Amino acid sequence: MGLQEQLDSFRAEFARTAPSGRVALYEARIDELRARFALDLAVGTGDEAPDFSLPDIHGNWVSLSGLLQHGPVVLTFYRGGWCPYCNIQLRAYQAILPEMAALGARLIAISPQLPDGSLTTAQTNALTFDVLSDAGNSAARRFGLVYALPEDLREALRSNNKALPAINGDGSWELPVPATYVIAPDGRIVLAGIEVDYRKRLEPDAILAAVKALLPA
């Protein structure tokens, strides 16, 4: 089963079991975000990836420029370990990690959650790639991916014990739009998958194809 099929399967099950009105609320807010999000201002294919340095789950600082010295980087911004769609995506990317490594690419995942949350995400999903904490969405903001949740979505997350201030360590209620980038060693973005609808993510096959295209002929 492909990644999007897994995401769609979870979406269908959620629609069957969700509290009354919740599906309609989420659909409406996704439509609103799609209408107002400045996708043209987000970093995309052909752009140079902004550099950043963020802590991993062990407290070690990881920089994009440092990783690019050793080969291509696959960079994915996700909402947090509280998001089931994100966990499905991260596990799917973990499954192709050996193929990425064989092609000389490094995979890193970034969310605004606190380091303890990143550690839990990595352990729960058995992730062996770098999982970084982006406090205040500083790196995501440089990529043009950040937006703030409206009050009704904040209340929905509070009701699910997923209030973002406790998870992310600030009161902004901001998240990154899920996005995955394949970045060449010179810092140039060769593939950008930016999904305003968090129920959609870039397929692993597309990532591998973009990394393979970077190999010498």
Protein backbone atom coordinates (compact mmCIF):
# COMPACT_ATOMS: atom_id res chain seq x y z
CA MET A 1 0.00 0.00 0.00
CA GLY A 2 1.41 3.37 -1.02
CA LEU A 3 1.76 6.28 1.38
CA GLN A 4 -1.26 8.18 0.10
CA GLU A 5 -3.36 5.02 0.27
CA GLN A 6 -2.38 4.64 3.93
CA LEU A 7 -3.25 8.27 4.61
CA ASP A 8 -6.59 7.93 2.83
CA SER A 9 -7.38 4.77 4.79
CA PHE A 10 -6.77 6.57 8.07
CA ARG A 11 -8.83 9.52 6.86
CA ALA A 12 -11.77 7.24 6.07
CA GLU A 13 -11.59 5.60 9.49
CA PHE A 14 -11.42 8.99 11.18
CA ALA A 15 -14.50 10.14 9.26
CA ARG A 16 -16.34 7.07 10.54
CA THR A 17 -15.43 7.55 14.21
CA ALA A 18 -14.94 11.33 14.64
CA PRO A 19 -17.13 13.42 16.95
CA SER A 20 -20.12 15.05 15.32
CA GLY A 21 -19.17 18.07 13.23
CA ARG A 22 -15.41 17.47 13.47
CA VAL A 23 -14.92 16.30 9.88
CA ALA A 24 -16.86 19.28 8.49
CA LEU A 25 -14.79 21.64 10.66
CA TYR A 26 -11.49 20.22 9.45
CA GLU A 27 -12.62 20.28 5.80
CA ALA A 28 -13.70 23.92 6.09
CA ARG A 29 -10.46 25.04 7.72
CA ILE A 30 -8.33 23.20 5.14
CA ASP A 31 -10.27 24.96 2.38
CA GLU A 32 -9.74 28.31 4.09
CA LEU A 33 -6.01 27.71 4.49
CA ARG A 34 -5.75 26.67 0.84
CA ALA A 35 -7.39 29.95 -0.15
CA ARG A 36 -5.23 32.22 2.01
CA PHE A 37 -1.86 30.49 2.31
CA ALA A 38 0.82 32.31 0.28
CA LEU A 39 2.17 29.23 -1.48
CA ASP A 40 4.02 31.37 -4.01
CA LEU A 41 6.10 32.84 -1.17
CA ALA A 42 7.22 29.44 0.15
CA VAL A 43 10.65 28.15 -0.81
CA GLY A 44 10.21 25.82 -3.77
CA THR A 45 11.86 23.90 -6.59
CA GLY A 46 14.82 25.78 -8.04
CA ASP A 47 15.34 27.93 -4.94
CA GLU A 48 18.32 27.74 -2.64
CA ALA A 49 17.44 26.08 0.66
CA PRO A 50 17.84 28.39 3.66
CA ASP A 51 20.43 27.10 6.12
CA PHE A 52 19.54 26.28 9.71
CA SER A 53 20.98 24.59 12.77
CA LEU A 54 18.62 22.69 15.10
CA PRO A 55 18.96 20.21 17.98
CA ASP A 56 18.32 16.51 17.49
CA ILE A 57 16.76 14.16 20.06
CA HIS A 58 20.14 13.82 21.82
CA GLY A 59 20.75 17.55 22.07
CA ASN A 60 23.32 17.61 19.25
CA TRP A 61 23.05 20.50 16.82
CA VAL A 62 22.57 19.59 13.18
CA SER A 63 23.00 22.10 10.35
CA LEU A 64 21.74 21.77 6.81
CA SER A 65 24.97 23.17 5.37
CA GLY A 66 26.97 20.60 7.33
CA LEU A 67 24.90 17.70 6.01
CA LEU A 68 25.09 18.95 2.42
CA GLN A 69 28.87 18.64 2.53
CA HIS A 70 28.37 14.88 2.42
CA GLY A 71 25.63 14.59 -0.22
CA PRO A 72 21.96 15.31 -0.94
CA VAL A 73 19.50 15.92 1.88
CA VAL A 74 15.84 14.95 2.04
CA LEU A 75 14.19 17.41 4.43
CA THR A 76 10.63 17.03 5.67
CA PHE A 77 8.68 19.44 7.84
CA TYR A 78 5.89 17.75 9.81
CA ARG A 79 3.38 19.05 12.34
CA GLY A 80 4.33 16.86 15.32
CA GLY A 81 4.12 13.40 16.78
CA TRP A 82 0.55 14.14 17.91
CA CYS A 83 -0.54 14.13 14.24
CA PRO A 84 -1.40 10.61 13.01
CA TYR A 85 -0.90 11.59 9.37
CA CYS A 86 2.63 12.71 10.22
CA ASN A 87 3.43 9.41 11.91
CA ILE A 88 2.21 7.46 8.89
CA GLN A 89 4.43 9.61 6.67
CA LEU A 90 7.50 9.26 8.90
CA ARG A 91 7.19 5.48 9.00
CA ALA A 92 6.87 5.37 5.21
CA TYR A 93 10.05 7.42 4.85
CA GLN A 94 11.82 5.22 7.38
CA ALA A 95 11.00 2.24 5.13
CA ILE A 96 12.99 3.73 2.24
CA LEU A 97 15.87 4.95 4.40
CA PRO A 98 18.22 2.13 3.25
CA GLU A 99 17.61 3.10 -0.38
CA MET A 100 18.25 6.76 0.41
CA ALA A 101 21.46 5.88 2.22
CA ALA A 102 22.61 3.73 -0.70
CA LEU A 103 22.15 6.77 -2.95
CA GLY A 104 24.22 8.89 -0.56
CA ALA A 105 21.28 10.96 0.75
CA ARG A 106 20.52 11.95 4.34
CA LEU A 107 16.97 12.22 5.69
CA ILE A 108 15.98 14.72 8.38
CA ALA A 109 12.54 15.51 9.82
CA ILE A 110 11.66 18.78 11.56
CA SER A 111 8.71 19.82 13.73
CA PRO A 112 8.13 22.63 16.24
CA GLN A 113 7.58 20.24 19.14
CA LEU A 114 9.94 20.30 22.11
CA PRO A 115 12.93 17.90 22.11
CA ASP A 116 11.21 15.44 24.47
CA GLY A 117 8.34 15.22 21.99
CA SER A 118 10.76 14.64 19.13
CA LEU A 119 12.39 11.86 21.13
CA THR A 120 9.02 10.23 21.75
CA THR A 121 8.14 10.51 18.06
CA ALA A 122 11.41 8.85 17.05
CA GLN A 123 11.04 6.05 19.60
CA THR A 124 7.35 5.38 18.94
CA ASN A 125 7.86 5.13 15.17
CA ALA A 126 11.27 3.39 15.38
CA LEU A 127 12.91 6.17 13.38
CA THR A 128 16.65 5.97 12.78
CA PHE A 129 17.08 9.24 10.88
CA ASP A 130 17.58 12.70 12.38
CA VAL A 131 14.47 14.16 14.06
CA LEU A 132 15.02 17.82 14.90
CA SER A 133 13.15 20.33 17.07
CA ASP A 134 12.41 23.71 15.51
CA ALA A 135 11.51 25.90 18.50
CA GLY A 136 9.28 28.77 17.45
CA ASN A 137 9.21 27.42 13.88
CA SER A 138 12.36 29.40 13.11
CA ALA A 139 13.53 27.13 10.28
CA ALA A 140 10.02 26.56 8.93
CA ARG A 141 9.51 30.33 8.84
CA ARG A 142 12.60 30.74 6.67
CA PHE A 143 11.04 28.28 4.23
CA GLY A 144 7.76 30.26 4.23
CA LEU A 145 5.70 27.42 5.69
CA VAL A 146 4.28 28.79 8.96
CA TYR A 147 0.64 29.56 9.72
CA ALA A 148 -1.44 30.05 12.88
CA LEU A 149 -4.43 27.89 13.79
CA PRO A 150 -7.83 29.61 14.17
CA GLU A 151 -9.61 29.45 17.51
CA ASP A 152 -12.00 26.61 16.63
CA LEU A 153 -9.09 24.33 15.68
CA ARG A 154 -7.30 25.30 18.88
CA GLU A 155 -10.37 24.25 20.84
CA ALA A 156 -10.55 20.96 18.92
CA LEU A 157 -6.94 20.17 19.82
CA ARG A 158 -7.53 21.13 23.44
CA SER A 159 -10.44 18.68 23.56
CA ASN A 160 -8.09 15.93 22.28
CA ASN A 161 -5.37 16.75 24.83
CA LYS A 162 -3.20 18.05 22.00
CA ALA A 163 -2.90 21.70 23.00
CA LEU A 164 0.08 23.08 21.10
CA PRO A 165 1.44 25.44 23.79
CA ALA A 166 2.39 22.45 25.95
CA ILE A 167 3.68 20.45 22.98
CA ASN A 168 5.67 23.22 21.31
CA GLY A 169 6.60 25.28 24.34
CA ASP A 170 5.08 28.56 23.16
CA GLY A 171 1.66 30.16 22.92
CA SER A 172 1.66 30.95 19.21
CA TRP A 173 -0.44 28.00 18.03
CA GLU A 174 1.67 28.02 14.86
CA LEU A 175 2.48 25.02 12.68
CA PRO A 176 4.38 24.41 9.46
CA VAL A 177 2.48 23.39 6.38
CA PRO A 178 3.78 19.83 5.76
CA ALA A 179 6.53 20.01 3.15
CA THR A 180 9.25 17.72 1.85
CA TYR A 181 12.31 18.89 -0.08
CA VAL A 182 15.04 17.07 -1.96
CA ILE A 183 18.12 19.28 -1.79
CA ALA A 184 21.23 18.88 -3.96
CA PRO A 185 24.68 19.15 -2.34
CA ASP A 186 25.03 22.71 -3.68
CA GLY A 187 21.91 23.72 -1.69
CA ARG A 188 19.59 23.85 -4.69
CA ILE A 189 16.10 22.42 -4.18
CA VAL A 190 15.36 19.90 -6.94
CA LEU A 191 11.97 18.77 -5.64
CA ALA A 192 9.49 20.49 -3.33
CA GLY A 193 6.29 18.85 -2.14
CA ILE A 194 4.30 21.42 -0.14
CA GLU A 195 0.91 20.23 1.07
CA VAL A 196 -1.58 22.76 2.50
CA ASP A 197 -3.86 19.75 3.07
CA TYR A 198 -2.01 17.90 5.85
CA ARG A 199 -3.72 14.66 4.80
CA LYS A 200 -1.52 14.55 1.69
CA ARG A 201 2.24 13.93 1.64
CA LEU A 202 4.97 13.44 -0.95
CA GLU A 203 5.26 9.82 -2.04
CA PRO A 204 8.49 7.93 -1.25
CA ASP A 205 8.91 6.93 -4.91
CA ALA A 206 9.01 10.59 -5.95
CA ILE A 207 11.71 11.27 -3.38
CA LEU A 208 13.86 8.38 -4.55
CA ALA A 209 13.46 9.38 -8.19
CA ALA A 210 14.61 12.94 -7.40
CA VAL A 211 17.64 11.70 -5.46
CA LYS A 212 18.58 9.25 -8.25
CA ALA A 213 18.42 12.11 -10.77
CA LEU A 214 21.23 13.81 -8.85
CA LEU A 215 23.63 10.93 -9.44
CA PRO A 216 26.34 11.32 -12.10
CA ALA A 217 25.30 9.97 -15.51
